[in-house]
PDB file of N, CA and C in Angstrom:
ATOM      1  N   UNK A   1      97.811  96.377 141.144  1.00  0.00           N
ATOM      2  CA  UNK A   1      97.952  95.256 140.260  1.00  0.00           C
ATOM      3  C   UNK A   1      96.979  94.162 140.828  1.00  0.00           C
ATOM      4  N   UNK A   2      96.178  93.602 139.955  1.00  0.00           N
ATOM      5  CA  UNK A   2      95.216  92.555 140.466  1.00  0.00           C
ATOM      6  C   UNK A   2      96.111  91.383 140.999  1.00  0.00           C
ATOM      7  N   UNK A   3      95.759  90.880 142.073  1.00  0.00           N
ATOM      8  CA  UNK A   3      96.416  89.708 142.702  1.00  0.00           C
ATOM      9  C   UNK A   3      97.684  89.997 143.497  1.00  0.00           C
ATOM     10  N   UNK A   4      97.980  91.264 143.582  1.00  0.00           N
ATOM     11  CA  UNK A   4      99.209  91.612 144.333  1.00  0.00           C
ATOM     12  C   UNK A   4      98.726  92.250 145.623  1.00  0.00           C
ATOM     13  N   UNK A   5      99.572  91.961 146.721  1.00  0.00           N
ATOM     14  CA  UNK A   5      99.259  92.533 148.020  1.00  0.00           C
ATOM     15  C   UNK A   5     100.344  93.684 148.179  1.00  0.00           C
ATOM     16  N   UNK A   6     100.308  94.301 149.380  1.00  0.00           N
ATOM     17  CA  UNK A   6     101.141  95.437 149.641  1.00  0.00           C
ATOM     18  C   UNK A   6     102.600  94.934 149.623  1.00  0.00           C
ATOM     19  N   UNK A   7     102.874  93.808 150.104  1.00  0.00           N
ATOM     20  CA  UNK A   7     104.311  93.320 150.120  1.00  0.00           C
ATOM     21  C   UNK A   7     104.836  93.148 148.742  1.00  0.00           C
ATOM     22  N   UNK A   8     104.044  92.485 148.029  1.00  0.00           N
ATOM     23  CA  UNK A   8     104.456  92.195 146.576  1.00  0.00           C
ATOM     24  C   UNK A   8     104.657  93.486 145.780  1.00  0.00           C
ATOM     25  N   UNK A   9     103.778  94.493 145.988  1.00  0.00           N
ATOM     26  CA  UNK A   9     103.837  95.735 145.311  1.00  0.00           C
ATOM     27  C   UNK A   9     105.064  96.487 145.751  1.00  0.00           C
ATOM     28  N   UNK A  10     105.332  96.524 147.004  1.00  0.00           N
ATOM     29  CA  UNK A  10     106.477  97.240 147.556  1.00  0.00           C
ATOM     30  C   UNK A  10     107.793  96.662 147.111  1.00  0.00           C
ATOM     31  N   UNK A  11     107.837  95.340 146.996  1.00  0.00           N
ATOM     32  CA  UNK A  11     109.014  94.616 146.450  1.00  0.00           C
ATOM     33  C   UNK A  11     109.294  94.949 145.062  1.00  0.00           C
ATOM     34  N   UNK A  12     108.213  95.037 144.250  1.00  0.00           N
ATOM     35  CA  UNK A  12     108.287  95.370 142.769  1.00  0.00           C
ATOM     36  C   UNK A  12     108.764  96.888 142.662  1.00  0.00           C
ATOM     37  N   UNK A  13     108.173  97.766 143.515  1.00  0.00           N
ATOM     38  CA  UNK A  13     108.665  99.105 143.592  1.00  0.00           C
ATOM     39  C   UNK A  13     110.130  99.341 143.844  1.00  0.00           C
ATOM     40  N   UNK A  14     110.548  98.534 144.825  1.00  0.00           N
ATOM     41  CA  UNK A  14     112.027  98.556 145.183  1.00  0.00           C
ATOM     42  C   UNK A  14     112.847  98.125 144.005  1.00  0.00           C
ATOM     43  N   UNK A  15     112.425  97.089 143.381  1.00  0.00           N
ATOM     44  CA  UNK A  15     113.147  96.502 142.244  1.00  0.00           C
ATOM     45  C   UNK A  15     113.195  97.548 141.069  1.00  0.00           C
ATOM     46  N   UNK A  16     112.142  98.224 140.782  1.00  0.00           N
ATOM     47  CA  UNK A  16     111.957  99.178 139.801  1.00  0.00           C
ATOM     48  C   UNK A  16     112.957 100.378 140.110  1.00  0.00           C
ATOM     49  N   UNK A  17     112.983 100.705 141.318  1.00  0.00           N
ATOM     50  CA  UNK A  17     113.884 101.873 141.809  1.00  0.00           C
ATOM     51  C   UNK A  17     115.329 101.370 141.675  1.00  0.00           C
ATOM     52  N   UNK A  18     115.726 100.171 142.122  1.00  0.00           N
ATOM     53  CA  UNK A  18     117.061  99.708 142.196  1.00  0.00           C
ATOM     54  C   UNK A  18     117.572  99.521 140.712  1.00  0.00           C
ATOM     55  N   UNK A  19     116.686  99.217 139.802  1.00  0.00           N
ATOM     56  CA  UNK A  19     117.115  99.028 138.386  1.00  0.00           C
ATOM     57  C   UNK A  19     117.285 100.393 137.674  1.00  0.00           C
ATOM     58  N   UNK A  20     116.964 101.493 138.381  1.00  0.00           N
ATOM     59  CA  UNK A  20     117.151 102.782 137.834  1.00  0.00           C
ATOM     60  C   UNK A  20     116.069 103.274 136.861  1.00  0.00           C
ATOM     61  N   UNK A  21     114.919 102.552 136.934  1.00  0.00           N
ATOM     62  CA  UNK A  21     113.851 102.761 135.946  1.00  0.00           C
ATOM     63  C   UNK A  21     113.110 104.087 136.188  1.00  0.00           C
ATOM     64  N   UNK A  22     113.259 104.695 137.411  1.00  0.00           N
ATOM     65  CA  UNK A  22     112.726 106.032 137.625  1.00  0.00           C
ATOM     66  C   UNK A  22     113.712 107.015 137.115  1.00  0.00           C
ATOM     67  N   UNK A  23     114.807 106.619 136.599  1.00  0.00           N
ATOM     68  CA  UNK A  23     115.740 107.600 135.985  1.00  0.00           C
ATOM     69  C   UNK A  23     115.765 107.476 134.430  1.00  0.00           C
ATOM     70  N   UNK A  24     115.108 106.478 133.880  1.00  0.00           N
ATOM     71  CA  UNK A  24     115.182 106.274 132.428  1.00  0.00           C
ATOM     72  C   UNK A  24     114.238 107.317 131.801  1.00  0.00           C
ATOM     73  N   UNK A  25     114.729 108.020 130.910  1.00  0.00           N
ATOM     74  CA  UNK A  25     113.864 109.077 130.263  1.00  0.00           C
ATOM     75  C   UNK A  25     112.702 108.493 129.562  1.00  0.00           C
ATOM     76  N   UNK A  26     111.637 109.193 129.763  1.00  0.00           N
ATOM     77  CA  UNK A  26     110.378 108.734 129.082  1.00  0.00           C
ATOM     78  C   UNK A  26     109.725 110.006 128.495  1.00  0.00           C
ATOM     79  N   UNK A  27     109.769 110.052 127.179  1.00  0.00           N
ATOM     80  CA  UNK A  27     109.238 111.135 126.431  1.00  0.00           C
ATOM     81  C   UNK A  27     109.950 112.494 126.919  1.00  0.00           C
ATOM     82  N   UNK A  28     111.264 112.384 127.161  1.00  0.00           N
ATOM     83  CA  UNK A  28     111.994 113.584 127.404  1.00  0.00           C
ATOM     84  C   UNK A  28     111.919 113.934 129.045  1.00  0.00           C
ATOM     85  N   UNK A  29     111.172 113.198 129.800  1.00  0.00           N
ATOM     86  CA  UNK A  29     111.153 113.574 131.230  1.00  0.00           C
ATOM     87  C   UNK A  29     111.280 112.264 132.009  1.00  0.00           C
ATOM     88  N   UNK A  30     111.746 112.528 133.246  1.00  0.00           N
ATOM     89  CA  UNK A  30     111.829 111.347 134.152  1.00  0.00           C
ATOM     90  C   UNK A  30     110.448 110.740 134.566  1.00  0.00           C
ATOM     91  N   UNK A  31     110.393 109.387 134.570  1.00  0.00           N
ATOM     92  CA  UNK A  31     109.122 108.691 134.964  1.00  0.00           C
ATOM     93  C   UNK A  31     108.773 109.173 136.333  1.00  0.00           C
ATOM     94  N   UNK A  32     107.499 109.331 136.659  1.00  0.00           N
ATOM     95  CA  UNK A  32     106.974 109.780 137.850  1.00  0.00           C
ATOM     96  C   UNK A  32     106.924 108.538 138.879  1.00  0.00           C
ATOM     97  N   UNK A  33     107.368 108.844 140.101  1.00  0.00           N
ATOM     98  CA  UNK A  33     107.365 107.832 141.186  1.00  0.00           C
ATOM     99  C   UNK A  33     106.031 107.284 141.351  1.00  0.00           C
ATOM    100  N   UNK A  34     105.785 106.014 141.364  1.00  0.00           N
ATOM    101  CA  UNK A  34     104.589 105.260 141.544  1.00  0.00           C
ATOM    102  C   UNK A  34     103.678 105.341 140.257  1.00  0.00           C
ATOM    103  N   UNK A  35     103.437 106.602 139.794  1.00  0.00           N
ATOM    104  CA  UNK A  35     102.457 106.620 138.667  1.00  0.00           C
ATOM    105  C   UNK A  35     102.873 105.966 137.411  1.00  0.00           C
ATOM    106  N   UNK A  36     104.229 106.025 137.096  1.00  0.00           N
ATOM    107  CA  UNK A  36     104.780 105.442 135.823  1.00  0.00           C
ATOM    108  C   UNK A  36     105.337 104.033 136.102  1.00  0.00           C
ATOM    109  N   UNK A  37     104.972 103.532 137.203  1.00  0.00           N
ATOM    110  CA  UNK A  37     105.355 102.124 137.486  1.00  0.00           C
ATOM    111  C   UNK A  37     104.439 101.142 136.940  1.00  0.00           C
ATOM    112  N   UNK A  38     104.856  99.930 136.687  1.00  0.00           N
ATOM    113  CA  UNK A  38     103.847  98.905 136.269  1.00  0.00           C
ATOM    114  C   UNK A  38     103.011  98.436 137.425  1.00  0.00           C
ATOM    115  N   UNK A  39     103.299  98.895 138.665  1.00  0.00           N
ATOM    116  CA  UNK A  39     102.510  98.460 139.815  1.00  0.00           C
ATOM    117  C   UNK A  39     101.247  99.328 139.846  1.00  0.00           C
ATOM    118  N   UNK A  40     101.201 100.430 139.143  1.00  0.00           N
ATOM    119  CA  UNK A  40     100.024 101.341 139.316  1.00  0.00           C
ATOM    120  C   UNK A  40      98.846 100.953 138.540  1.00  0.00           C
ATOM    121  N   UNK A  41      97.764 100.633 139.260  1.00  0.00           N
ATOM    122  CA  UNK A  41      96.595 100.205 138.640  1.00  0.00           C
ATOM    123  C   UNK A  41      95.949 101.329 137.741  1.00  0.00           C
ATOM    124  N   UNK A  42      96.250 102.532 137.970  1.00  0.00           N
ATOM    125  CA  UNK A  42      95.662 103.654 137.245  1.00  0.00           C
ATOM    126  C   UNK A  42      96.443 103.895 135.977  1.00  0.00           C
ATOM    127  N   UNK A  43      97.639 103.377 135.754  1.00  0.00           N
ATOM    128  CA  UNK A  43      98.510 103.591 134.736  1.00  0.00           C
ATOM    129  C   UNK A  43      97.749 104.090 133.396  1.00  0.00           C
ATOM    130  N   UNK A  44      97.741 105.318 133.238  1.00  0.00           N
ATOM    131  CA  UNK A  44      97.047 105.997 132.039  1.00  0.00           C
ATOM    132  C   UNK A  44      95.619 106.313 132.211  1.00  0.00           C
ATOM    133  N   UNK A  45      95.090 105.901 133.448  1.00  0.00           N
ATOM    134  CA  UNK A  45      93.690 106.275 133.698  1.00  0.00           C
ATOM    135  C   UNK A  45      93.547 107.616 134.406  1.00  0.00           C
ATOM    136  N   UNK A  46      92.412 108.210 134.324  1.00  0.00           N
ATOM    137  CA  UNK A  46      92.222 109.507 134.918  1.00  0.00           C
ATOM    138  C   UNK A  46      91.999 109.532 136.410  1.00  0.00           C
ATOM    139  N   UNK A  47      91.518 108.471 136.947  1.00  0.00           N
ATOM    140  CA  UNK A  47      91.135 108.331 138.360  1.00  0.00           C
ATOM    141  C   UNK A  47      91.988 107.226 139.047  1.00  0.00           C
ATOM    142  N   UNK A  48      92.157 107.221 140.289  1.00  0.00           N
ATOM    143  CA  UNK A  48      92.880 106.298 141.033  1.00  0.00           C
ATOM    144  C   UNK A  48      92.024 105.230 141.640  1.00  0.00           C
ATOM    145  N   UNK A  49      91.971 104.046 141.046  1.00  0.00           N
ATOM    146  CA  UNK A  49      91.058 102.964 141.578  1.00  0.00           C
ATOM    147  C   UNK A  49      91.776 102.431 142.875  1.00  0.00           C
ATOM    148  N   UNK A  50      91.101 101.507 143.433  1.00  0.00           N
ATOM    149  CA  UNK A  50      91.662 100.850 144.715  1.00  0.00           C
ATOM    150  C   UNK A  50      93.034 100.343 144.311  1.00  0.00           C
ATOM    151  N   UNK A  51      93.973 100.742 145.212  1.00  0.00           N
ATOM    152  CA  UNK A  51      95.342 100.440 144.980  1.00  0.00           C
ATOM    153  C   UNK A  51      95.969 100.009 146.350  1.00  0.00           C
ATOM    154  N   UNK A  52      96.765  99.081 146.342  1.00  0.00           N
ATOM    155  CA  UNK A  52      97.342  98.634 147.676  1.00  0.00           C
ATOM    156  C   UNK A  52      98.154  99.752 148.395  1.00  0.00           C
ATOM    157  N   UNK A  53      98.670 100.745 147.668  1.00  0.00           N
ATOM    158  CA  UNK A  53      99.445 101.785 148.174  1.00  0.00           C
ATOM    159  C   UNK A  53      98.516 102.757 148.927  1.00  0.00           C
ATOM    160  N   UNK A  54      97.216 102.741 148.703  1.00  0.00           N
ATOM    161  CA  UNK A  54      96.278 103.603 149.464  1.00  0.00           C
ATOM    162  C   UNK A  54      96.316 103.291 150.922  1.00  0.00           C
ATOM    163  N   UNK A  55      96.703 102.111 151.327  1.00  0.00           N
ATOM    164  CA  UNK A  55      96.864 101.750 152.712  1.00  0.00           C
ATOM    165  C   UNK A  55      97.879 102.577 153.437  1.00  0.00           C
ATOM    166  N   UNK A  56      98.825 103.132 152.733  1.00  0.00           N
ATOM    167  CA  UNK A  56      99.887 103.974 153.339  1.00  0.00           C
ATOM    168  C   UNK A  56      99.605 105.445 153.257  1.00  0.00           C
ATOM    169  N   UNK A  57      98.522 105.794 152.515  1.00  0.00           N
ATOM    170  CA  UNK A  57      98.226 107.286 152.331  1.00  0.00           C
ATOM    171  C   UNK A  57      97.457 107.750 153.537  1.00  0.00           C
ATOM    172  N   UNK A  58      97.808 108.825 154.174  1.00  0.00           N
ATOM    173  CA  UNK A  58      97.009 109.389 155.248  1.00  0.00           C
ATOM    174  C   UNK A  58      95.612 109.767 154.773  1.00  0.00           C
ATOM    175  N   UNK A  59      94.678 109.612 155.737  1.00  0.00           N
ATOM    176  CA  UNK A  59      93.262 109.828 155.364  1.00  0.00           C
ATOM    177  C   UNK A  59      93.039 111.147 154.635  1.00  0.00           C
ATOM    178  N   UNK A  60      93.658 112.251 155.163  1.00  0.00           N
ATOM    179  CA  UNK A  60      93.370 113.486 154.658  1.00  0.00           C
ATOM    180  C   UNK A  60      93.971 113.808 153.291  1.00  0.00           C
ATOM    181  N   UNK A  61      94.780 112.813 152.743  1.00  0.00           N
ATOM    182  CA  UNK A  61      95.407 112.982 151.446  1.00  0.00           C
ATOM    183  C   UNK A  61      94.791 112.060 150.375  1.00  0.00           C
ATOM    184  N   UNK A  62      93.764 111.231 150.831  1.00  0.00           N
ATOM    185  CA  UNK A  62      93.306 110.221 149.819  1.00  0.00           C
ATOM    186  C   UNK A  62      92.502 110.847 148.657  1.00  0.00           C
ATOM    187  N   UNK A  63      92.145 112.121 148.789  1.00  0.00           N
ATOM    188  CA  UNK A  63      91.404 112.743 147.611  1.00  0.00           C
ATOM    189  C   UNK A  63      92.275 113.587 146.777  1.00  0.00           C
ATOM    190  N   UNK A  64      93.605 113.576 147.040  1.00  0.00           N
ATOM    191  CA  UNK A  64      94.558 114.294 146.256  1.00  0.00           C
ATOM    192  C   UNK A  64      94.597 113.674 144.853  1.00  0.00           C
ATOM    193  N   UNK A  65      95.050 114.465 143.785  1.00  0.00           N
ATOM    194  CA  UNK A  65      95.043 113.906 142.421  1.00  0.00           C
ATOM    195  C   UNK A  65      95.933 112.700 142.335  1.00  0.00           C
ATOM    196  N   UNK A  66      97.045 112.668 143.089  1.00  0.00           N
ATOM    197  CA  UNK A  66      97.892 111.387 143.103  1.00  0.00           C
ATOM    198  C   UNK A  66      98.161 111.092 144.573  1.00  0.00           C
ATOM    199  N   UNK A  67      97.246 110.291 145.125  1.00  0.00           N
ATOM    200  CA  UNK A  67      97.329 110.095 146.572  1.00  0.00           C
ATOM    201  C   UNK A  67      98.631 109.470 147.042  1.00  0.00           C
ATOM    202  N   UNK A  68      99.217 108.553 146.195  1.00  0.00           N
ATOM    203  CA  UNK A  68     100.439 107.847 146.663  1.00  0.00           C
ATOM    204  C   UNK A  68     101.580 108.772 146.787  1.00  0.00           C
ATOM    205  N   UNK A  69     101.484 109.963 146.197  1.00  0.00           N
ATOM    206  CA  UNK A  69     102.585 110.931 146.320  1.00  0.00           C
ATOM    207  C   UNK A  69     102.550 111.684 147.755  1.00  0.00           C
ATOM    208  N   UNK A  70     101.639 111.247 148.519  1.00  0.00           N
ATOM    209  CA  UNK A  70     101.445 111.920 149.888  1.00  0.00           C
ATOM    210  C   UNK A  70     101.794 110.882 151.013  1.00  0.00           C
ATOM    211  N   UNK A  71     102.321 109.755 150.605  1.00  0.00           N
ATOM    212  CA  UNK A  71     102.684 108.763 151.679  1.00  0.00           C
ATOM    213  C   UNK A  71     103.867 109.394 152.443  1.00  0.00           C
ATOM    214  N   UNK A  72     103.731 109.318 153.800  1.00  0.00           N
ATOM    215  CA  UNK A  72     104.863 109.777 154.655  1.00  0.00           C
ATOM    216  C   UNK A  72     106.021 108.850 154.626  1.00  0.00           C
ATOM    217  N   UNK A  73     107.148 109.228 154.069  1.00  0.00           N
ATOM    218  CA  UNK A  73     108.240 108.316 153.861  1.00  0.00           C
ATOM    219  C   UNK A  73     109.304 108.285 154.964  1.00  0.00           C
ATOM    220  N   UNK A  74     109.145 109.230 155.955  1.00  0.00           N
ATOM    221  CA  UNK A  74     110.082 109.278 157.071  1.00  0.00           C
ATOM    222  C   UNK A  74     109.488 110.111 158.197  1.00  0.00           C
ATOM    223  N   UNK A  75     110.283 110.103 159.331  1.00  0.00           N
ATOM    224  CA  UNK A  75     109.796 110.850 160.489  1.00  0.00           C
ATOM    225  C   UNK A  75     109.732 112.425 160.198  1.00  0.00           C
ATOM    226  N   UNK A  76     110.436 112.825 159.199  1.00  0.00           N
ATOM    227  CA  UNK A  76     110.416 114.276 158.842  1.00  0.00           C
ATOM    228  C   UNK A  76     109.146 114.630 157.903  1.00  0.00           C
ATOM    229  N   UNK A  77     108.302 113.492 157.810  1.00  0.00           N
ATOM    230  CA  UNK A  77     107.023 113.673 156.994  1.00  0.00           C
ATOM    231  C   UNK A  77     107.241 114.000 155.549  1.00  0.00           C
ATOM    232  N   UNK A  78     108.453 113.698 155.007  1.00  0.00           N
ATOM    233  CA  UNK A  78     108.680 113.972 153.598  1.00  0.00           C
ATOM    234  C   UNK A  78     107.852 112.993 152.837  1.00  0.00           C
ATOM    235  N   UNK A  79     107.353 113.361 151.622  1.00  0.00           N
ATOM    236  CA  UNK A  79     106.606 112.613 150.802  1.00  0.00           C
ATOM    237  C   UNK A  79     107.210 112.718 149.324  1.00  0.00           C
ATOM    238  N   UNK A  80     106.697 111.929 148.437  1.00  0.00           N
ATOM    239  CA  UNK A  80     107.169 112.070 147.081  1.00  0.00           C
ATOM    240  C   UNK A  80     106.865 113.553 146.589  1.00  0.00           C
ATOM    241  N   UNK A  81     105.668 113.927 146.873  1.00  0.00           N
ATOM    242  CA  UNK A  81     105.180 115.258 146.558  1.00  0.00           C
ATOM    243  C   UNK A  81     106.101 116.394 147.088  1.00  0.00           C
ATOM    244  N   UNK A  82     106.379 116.312 148.327  1.00  0.00           N
ATOM    245  CA  UNK A  82     107.324 117.347 148.935  1.00  0.00           C
ATOM    246  C   UNK A  82     108.730 117.269 148.430  1.00  0.00           C
ATOM    247  N   UNK A  83     109.215 116.092 148.100  1.00  0.00           N
ATOM    248  CA  UNK A  83     110.580 115.973 147.571  1.00  0.00           C
ATOM    249  C   UNK A  83     110.656 116.339 146.179  1.00  0.00           C
ATOM    250  N   UNK A  84     109.533 116.219 145.350  1.00  0.00           N
ATOM    251  CA  UNK A  84     109.544 116.695 143.999  1.00  0.00           C
ATOM    252  C   UNK A  84     109.688 118.274 144.079  1.00  0.00           C
ATOM    253  N   UNK A  85     109.138 118.864 145.034  1.00  0.00           N
ATOM    254  CA  UNK A  85     109.199 120.328 145.136  1.00  0.00           C
ATOM    255  C   UNK A  85     110.475 120.818 145.846  1.00  0.00           C
ATOM    256  N   UNK A  86     111.110 120.091 146.719  1.00  0.00           N
ATOM    257  CA  UNK A  86     112.205 120.659 147.485  1.00  0.00           C
ATOM    258  C   UNK A  86     113.493 119.898 147.412  1.00  0.00           C
ATOM    259  N   UNK A  87     113.468 118.642 146.952  1.00  0.00           N
ATOM    260  CA  UNK A  87     114.728 117.805 146.885  1.00  0.00           C
ATOM    261  C   UNK A  87     115.175 117.535 145.487  1.00  0.00           C
ATOM    262  N   UNK A  88     116.253 116.849 145.456  1.00  0.00           N
ATOM    263  CA  UNK A  88     116.867 116.413 144.191  1.00  0.00           C
ATOM    264  C   UNK A  88     116.306 114.962 143.883  1.00  0.00           C
ATOM    265  N   UNK A  89     116.493 114.515 142.635  1.00  0.00           N
ATOM    266  CA  UNK A  89     116.110 113.152 142.322  1.00  0.00           C
ATOM    267  C   UNK A  89     116.889 112.191 143.144  1.00  0.00           C
ATOM    268  N   UNK A  90     118.085 112.403 143.487  1.00  0.00           N
ATOM    269  CA  UNK A  90     118.925 111.503 144.262  1.00  0.00           C
ATOM    270  C   UNK A  90     118.351 111.468 145.700  1.00  0.00           C
ATOM    271  N   UNK A  91     117.913 112.629 146.303  1.00  0.00           N
ATOM    272  CA  UNK A  91     117.343 112.667 147.596  1.00  0.00           C
ATOM    273  C   UNK A  91     116.062 111.883 147.578  1.00  0.00           C
ATOM    274  N   UNK A  92     115.294 112.155 146.590  1.00  0.00           N
ATOM    275  CA  UNK A  92     113.981 111.458 146.490  1.00  0.00           C
ATOM    276  C   UNK A  92     114.156 109.931 146.465  1.00  0.00           C
ATOM    277  N   UNK A  93     115.079 109.534 145.604  1.00  0.00           N
ATOM    278  CA  UNK A  93     115.362 108.073 145.550  1.00  0.00           C
ATOM    279  C   UNK A  93     115.800 107.441 146.761  1.00  0.00           C
ATOM    280  N   UNK A  94     116.708 108.155 147.534  1.00  0.00           N
ATOM    281  CA  UNK A  94     117.267 107.617 148.793  1.00  0.00           C
ATOM    282  C   UNK A  94     116.144 107.514 149.874  1.00  0.00           C
ATOM    283  N   UNK A  95     115.326 108.535 149.957  1.00  0.00           N
ATOM    284  CA  UNK A  95     114.310 108.484 150.904  1.00  0.00           C
ATOM    285  C   UNK A  95     113.217 107.361 150.621  1.00  0.00           C
ATOM    286  N   UNK A  96     112.967 107.295 149.367  1.00  0.00           N
ATOM    287  CA  UNK A  96     111.971 106.259 148.917  1.00  0.00           C
ATOM    288  C   UNK A  96     112.571 104.926 149.094  1.00  0.00           C
ATOM    289  N   UNK A  97     113.863 104.729 148.803  1.00  0.00           N
ATOM    290  CA  UNK A  97     114.466 103.439 148.946  1.00  0.00           C
ATOM    291  C   UNK A  97     114.385 103.056 150.394  1.00  0.00           C
ATOM    292  N   UNK A  98     114.795 104.014 151.320  1.00  0.00           N
ATOM    293  CA  UNK A  98     114.832 103.713 152.765  1.00  0.00           C
ATOM    294  C   UNK A  98     113.336 103.331 153.263  1.00  0.00           C
ATOM    295  N   UNK A  99     112.353 104.038 152.801  1.00  0.00           N
ATOM    296  CA  UNK A  99     111.005 103.750 153.208  1.00  0.00           C
ATOM    297  C   UNK A  99     110.567 102.298 152.622  1.00  0.00           C
ATOM    298  N   UNK A 100     110.849 102.142 151.435  1.00  0.00           N
ATOM    299  CA  UNK A 100     110.465 100.828 150.841  1.00  0.00           C
ATOM    300  C   UNK A 100     111.080  99.695 151.522  1.00  0.00           C
ATOM    301  N   UNK A 101     112.476  99.738 151.824  1.00  0.00           N
ATOM    302  CA  UNK A 101     113.174  98.648 152.463  1.00  0.00           C
ATOM    303  C   UNK A 101     112.596  98.441 153.843  1.00  0.00           C
ATOM    304  N   UNK A 102     112.439  99.572 154.576  1.00  0.00           N
ATOM    305  CA  UNK A 102     111.927  99.466 155.988  1.00  0.00           C
ATOM    306  C   UNK A 102     110.501  98.905 156.085  1.00  0.00           C
ATOM    307  N   UNK A 103     109.672  99.326 155.086  1.00  0.00           N
ATOM    308  CA  UNK A 103     108.277  98.808 155.154  1.00  0.00           C
ATOM    309  C   UNK A 103     108.223  97.420 154.690  1.00  0.00           C
ATOM    310  N   UNK A 104     109.020  97.001 153.679  1.00  0.00           N
ATOM    311  CA  UNK A 104     109.056  95.654 153.309  1.00  0.00           C
ATOM    312  C   UNK A 104     109.448  94.741 154.458  1.00  0.00           C
ATOM    313  N   UNK A 105     110.507  95.161 155.187  1.00  0.00           N
ATOM    314  CA  UNK A 105     111.066  94.414 156.296  1.00  0.00           C
ATOM    315  C   UNK A 105     109.953  94.220 157.342  1.00  0.00           C
ATOM    316  N   UNK A 106     109.309  95.372 157.735  1.00  0.00           N
ATOM    317  CA  UNK A 106     108.180  95.288 158.705  1.00  0.00           C
ATOM    318  C   UNK A 106     107.182  94.296 158.302  1.00  0.00           C
ATOM    319  N   UNK A 107     106.685  94.364 156.983  1.00  0.00           N
ATOM    320  CA  UNK A 107     105.581  93.501 156.430  1.00  0.00           C
ATOM    321  C   UNK A 107     106.043  92.033 156.503  1.00  0.00           C
ATOM    322  N   UNK A 108     107.318  91.784 156.208  1.00  0.00           N
ATOM    323  CA  UNK A 108     107.817  90.405 156.240  1.00  0.00           C
ATOM    324  C   UNK A 108     107.797  89.800 157.556  1.00  0.00           C
ATOM    325  N   UNK A 109     108.173  90.658 158.566  1.00  0.00           N
ATOM    326  CA  UNK A 109     108.136  90.144 159.965  1.00  0.00           C
ATOM    327  C   UNK A 109     106.744  89.929 160.360  1.00  0.00           C
ATOM    328  N   UNK A 110     105.822  90.809 160.029  1.00  0.00           N
ATOM    329  CA  UNK A 110     104.424  90.560 160.370  1.00  0.00           C
ATOM    330  C   UNK A 110     103.883  89.333 159.802  1.00  0.00           C
ATOM    331  N   UNK A 111     104.237  89.173 158.416  1.00  0.00           N
ATOM    332  CA  UNK A 111     103.603  87.987 157.702  1.00  0.00           C
ATOM    333  C   UNK A 111     104.185  86.692 158.370  1.00  0.00           C
ATOM    334  N   UNK A 112     105.518  86.672 158.721  1.00  0.00           N
ATOM    335  CA  UNK A 112     106.179  85.611 159.293  1.00  0.00           C
ATOM    336  C   UNK A 112     105.432  85.269 160.702  1.00  0.00           C
ATOM    337  N   UNK A 113     105.163  86.273 161.411  1.00  0.00           N
ATOM    338  CA  UNK A 113     104.642  86.081 162.757  1.00  0.00           C
ATOM    339  C   UNK A 113     103.195  85.739 162.794  1.00  0.00           C
ATOM    340  N   UNK A 114     102.386  86.275 161.881  1.00  0.00           N
ATOM    341  CA  UNK A 114     100.912  86.177 161.821  1.00  0.00           C
ATOM    342  C   UNK A 114     100.433  85.327 160.712  1.00  0.00           C
ATOM    343  N   UNK A 115     101.127  85.228 159.728  1.00  0.00           N
ATOM    344  CA  UNK A 115     100.700  84.512 158.508  1.00  0.00           C
ATOM    345  C   UNK A 115      99.872  85.497 157.520  1.00  0.00           C
ATOM    346  N   UNK A 116      99.719  86.721 157.987  1.00  0.00           N
ATOM    347  CA  UNK A 116      98.959  87.682 157.090  1.00  0.00           C
ATOM    348  C   UNK A 116      99.548  89.113 157.444  1.00  0.00           C
ATOM    349  N   UNK A 117      99.222  89.987 156.550  1.00  0.00           N
ATOM    350  CA  UNK A 117      99.604  91.394 156.681  1.00  0.00           C
ATOM    351  C   UNK A 117      98.543  92.046 157.357  1.00  0.00           C
ATOM    352  N   UNK A 118      98.844  92.920 158.447  1.00  0.00           N
ATOM    353  CA  UNK A 118      97.896  93.645 159.130  1.00  0.00           C
ATOM    354  C   UNK A 118      97.314  94.853 158.370  1.00  0.00           C
ATOM    355  N   UNK A 119      96.365  95.383 158.988  1.00  0.00           N
ATOM    356  CA  UNK A 119      95.785  96.651 158.364  1.00  0.00           C
ATOM    357  C   UNK A 119      96.843  97.738 158.501  1.00  0.00           C
ATOM    358  N   UNK A 120      97.069  98.302 157.284  1.00  0.00           N
ATOM    359  CA  UNK A 120      98.230  99.269 157.227  1.00  0.00           C
ATOM    360  C   UNK A 120      97.813 100.766 157.289  1.00  0.00           C
ATOM    361  N   UNK A 121      96.507 100.969 157.387  1.00  0.00           N
ATOM    362  CA  UNK A 121      95.956 102.257 157.356  1.00  0.00           C
ATOM    363  C   UNK A 121      96.459 102.984 158.588  1.00  0.00           C
ATOM    364  N   UNK A 122      96.849 104.307 158.514  1.00  0.00           N
ATOM    365  CA  UNK A 122      97.297 105.028 159.745  1.00  0.00           C
ATOM    366  C   UNK A 122      96.077 105.120 160.658  1.00  0.00           C
ATOM    367  N   UNK A 123      96.418 105.072 161.913  1.00  0.00           N
ATOM    368  CA  UNK A 123      95.360 105.258 162.921  1.00  0.00           C
ATOM    369  C   UNK A 123      95.084 106.755 163.122  1.00  0.00           C
ATOM    370  N   UNK A 124      93.930 107.116 163.745  1.00  0.00           N
ATOM    371  CA  UNK A 124      93.762 108.493 164.059  1.00  0.00           C
ATOM    372  C   UNK A 124      94.899 109.082 164.886  1.00  0.00           C
ATOM    373  N   UNK A 125      95.432 108.348 165.786  1.00  0.00           N
ATOM    374  CA  UNK A 125      96.590 108.830 166.579  1.00  0.00           C
ATOM    375  C   UNK A 125      97.748 109.178 165.725  1.00  0.00           C
ATOM    376  N   UNK A 126      98.063 108.258 164.747  1.00  0.00           N
ATOM    377  CA  UNK A 126      99.171 108.464 163.828  1.00  0.00           C
ATOM    378  C   UNK A 126      98.960 109.729 162.927  1.00  0.00           C
ATOM    379  N   UNK A 127      97.727 109.919 162.522  1.00  0.00           N
ATOM    380  CA  UNK A 127      97.397 111.039 161.752  1.00  0.00           C
ATOM    381  C   UNK A 127      97.552 112.329 162.525  1.00  0.00           C
ATOM    382  N   UNK A 128      97.355 112.354 163.856  1.00  0.00           N
ATOM    383  CA  UNK A 128      97.468 113.492 164.646  1.00  0.00           C
ATOM    384  C   UNK A 128      98.816 113.884 164.924  1.00  0.00           C
ATOM    385  N   UNK A 129      99.804 112.935 164.745  1.00  0.00           N
ATOM    386  CA  UNK A 129     101.203 113.279 164.976  1.00  0.00           C
ATOM    387  C   UNK A 129     101.854 114.011 163.830  1.00  0.00           C
TER     388      UNK A 129
END
């Protein structure tokens, strides 16, 4: 979303999730996490333009059709993509909610301490783990 930073976007995503809008039927199917959100700059486009969520996507996943579905949401390396394949909607929402809340809290602390949000891209060391 133009004019939104990562913290604003994550707050909106958490609100979208808490309101149950990822459960609201859309054309007979559940809305897709991140893709069917008003925070998605690609909303209806064929390609993924620069998006603040790309800061959280591991480098090796940035060429995936939906890169934001490959954000590592926990220490078990679960992603939206993996949870769509192996989890329930409730499990996906719980893991996503926990990641959003923890990441928002971390960014708020960083913003308070430094006045700006740091580079969120994973380091090569983080990618190797």
